[in-house]
Amino acid sequence: MDNDGSRLILRPYKTCDADYIVKWVSDEKTFCGWSSDRFGKYPLTAETLNAHYREVENSDRHWQMTALNEDHIPVGHLIMRYID
């Protein structure tokens, strides 16, 4: 549950999530902290994010996940790495 008592849903990342995620990275400082320079230069675009995830798509050691609110709107994003 999140802070207001509503439930969150965790599911694998979908390319349509990128439109939400890039809006959360609103300045270069946030971008650098969030991405650790894995996504090239600021600003982050949905195309850049999806291209990066396509590169690691078949890796069993890199899973992208999206958290959704009860209305199925993305409200969070995380990457799990080196799952073993």
Protein backbone atom coordinates (compact mmCIF):
# COMPACT_ATOMS: atom_id res chain seq x y z
CA MET A 1 0.00 0.00 0.00
CA ASP A 2 1.14 3.54 -0.57
CA ASN A 3 0.93 6.40 1.94
CA ASP A 4 -2.79 7.05 1.54
CA GLY A 5 -3.76 3.40 2.03
CA SER A 6 -4.44 2.61 -1.62
CA ARG A 7 -2.90 -0.43 -3.25
CA LEU A 8 -0.05 -0.46 -5.74
CA ILE A 9 0.25 -2.98 -8.53
CA LEU A 10 3.70 -4.09 -9.68
CA ARG A 11 4.04 -5.42 -13.22
CA PRO A 12 6.71 -5.75 -15.91
CA TYR A 13 7.57 -2.54 -17.75
CA LYS A 14 5.71 -1.79 -20.98
CA THR A 15 6.89 0.65 -23.64
CA CYS A 16 3.84 2.86 -23.01
CA ASP A 17 5.17 3.47 -19.46
CA ALA A 18 8.02 5.55 -20.88
CA ASP A 19 5.72 8.51 -21.54
CA TYR A 20 5.03 8.75 -17.79
CA ILE A 21 8.56 8.03 -16.59
CA VAL A 22 10.28 10.68 -18.70
CA LYS A 23 7.99 13.35 -17.22
CA TRP A 24 9.29 12.52 -13.73
CA VAL A 25 12.85 13.38 -14.79
CA SER A 26 12.27 17.13 -15.10
CA ASP A 27 15.80 18.56 -14.88
CA GLU A 28 19.38 17.60 -15.64
CA LYS A 29 20.39 17.09 -12.00
CA THR A 30 17.52 14.65 -11.44
CA PHE A 31 18.37 12.93 -14.72
CA CYS A 32 22.01 12.41 -13.70
CA GLY A 33 21.04 11.05 -10.29
CA TRP A 34 18.31 8.83 -11.67
CA SER A 35 20.13 7.42 -14.66
CA SER A 36 23.78 7.29 -13.58
CA ASP A 37 24.60 8.28 -17.18
CA ARG A 38 23.13 5.05 -18.64
CA PHE A 39 20.76 6.87 -21.00
CA GLY A 40 23.03 9.37 -22.74
CA LYS A 41 22.38 13.08 -22.52
CA TYR A 42 19.53 15.05 -20.99
CA PRO A 43 16.66 15.33 -21.74
CA LEU A 44 15.47 11.74 -21.48
CA THR A 45 12.93 10.77 -24.12
CA ALA A 46 10.53 7.85 -24.28
CA GLU A 47 12.35 6.64 -27.38
CA THR A 48 15.73 6.67 -25.62
CA LEU A 49 14.36 4.83 -22.59
CA ASN A 50 12.66 2.16 -24.70
CA ALA A 51 15.73 1.71 -26.92
CA HIS A 52 17.89 1.13 -23.85
CA TYR A 53 15.46 -1.43 -22.45
CA ARG A 54 15.27 -3.22 -25.81
CA GLU A 55 19.05 -3.72 -25.60
CA VAL A 56 18.74 -5.58 -22.29
CA GLU A 57 15.36 -7.17 -23.02
CA ASN A 58 16.59 -10.76 -23.29
CA SER A 59 18.76 -10.60 -20.21
CA ASP A 60 17.60 -12.75 -17.34
CA ARG A 61 19.62 -10.45 -15.07
CA HIS A 62 17.80 -7.18 -15.74
CA TRP A 63 14.07 -6.74 -15.11
CA GLN A 64 12.26 -3.43 -15.51
CA MET A 65 9.11 -3.05 -13.41
CA THR A 66 6.38 -0.41 -13.18
CA ALA A 67 4.23 0.38 -10.16
CA LEU A 68 0.64 1.31 -10.98
CA ASN A 69 -2.01 2.93 -8.83
CA GLU A 70 -5.52 1.49 -8.54
CA ASP A 71 -6.47 3.28 -11.77
CA HIS A 72 -3.57 1.49 -13.54
CA ILE A 73 -1.61 4.73 -14.00
CA PRO A 74 2.18 4.41 -13.63
CA VAL A 75 3.34 6.00 -10.36
CA GLY A 76 6.73 4.32 -9.93
CA HIS A 77 9.48 2.52 -11.78
CA LEU A 78 12.30 0.24 -10.72
CA ILE A 79 14.89 -2.07 -12.16
CA MET A 80 15.87 -5.33 -10.54
CA ARG A 81 19.30 -6.55 -11.53
CA TYR A 82 21.32 -9.72 -11.04
CA ILE A 83 18.43 -11.83 -9.87
CA ASP A 84 19.79 -15.13 -8.61
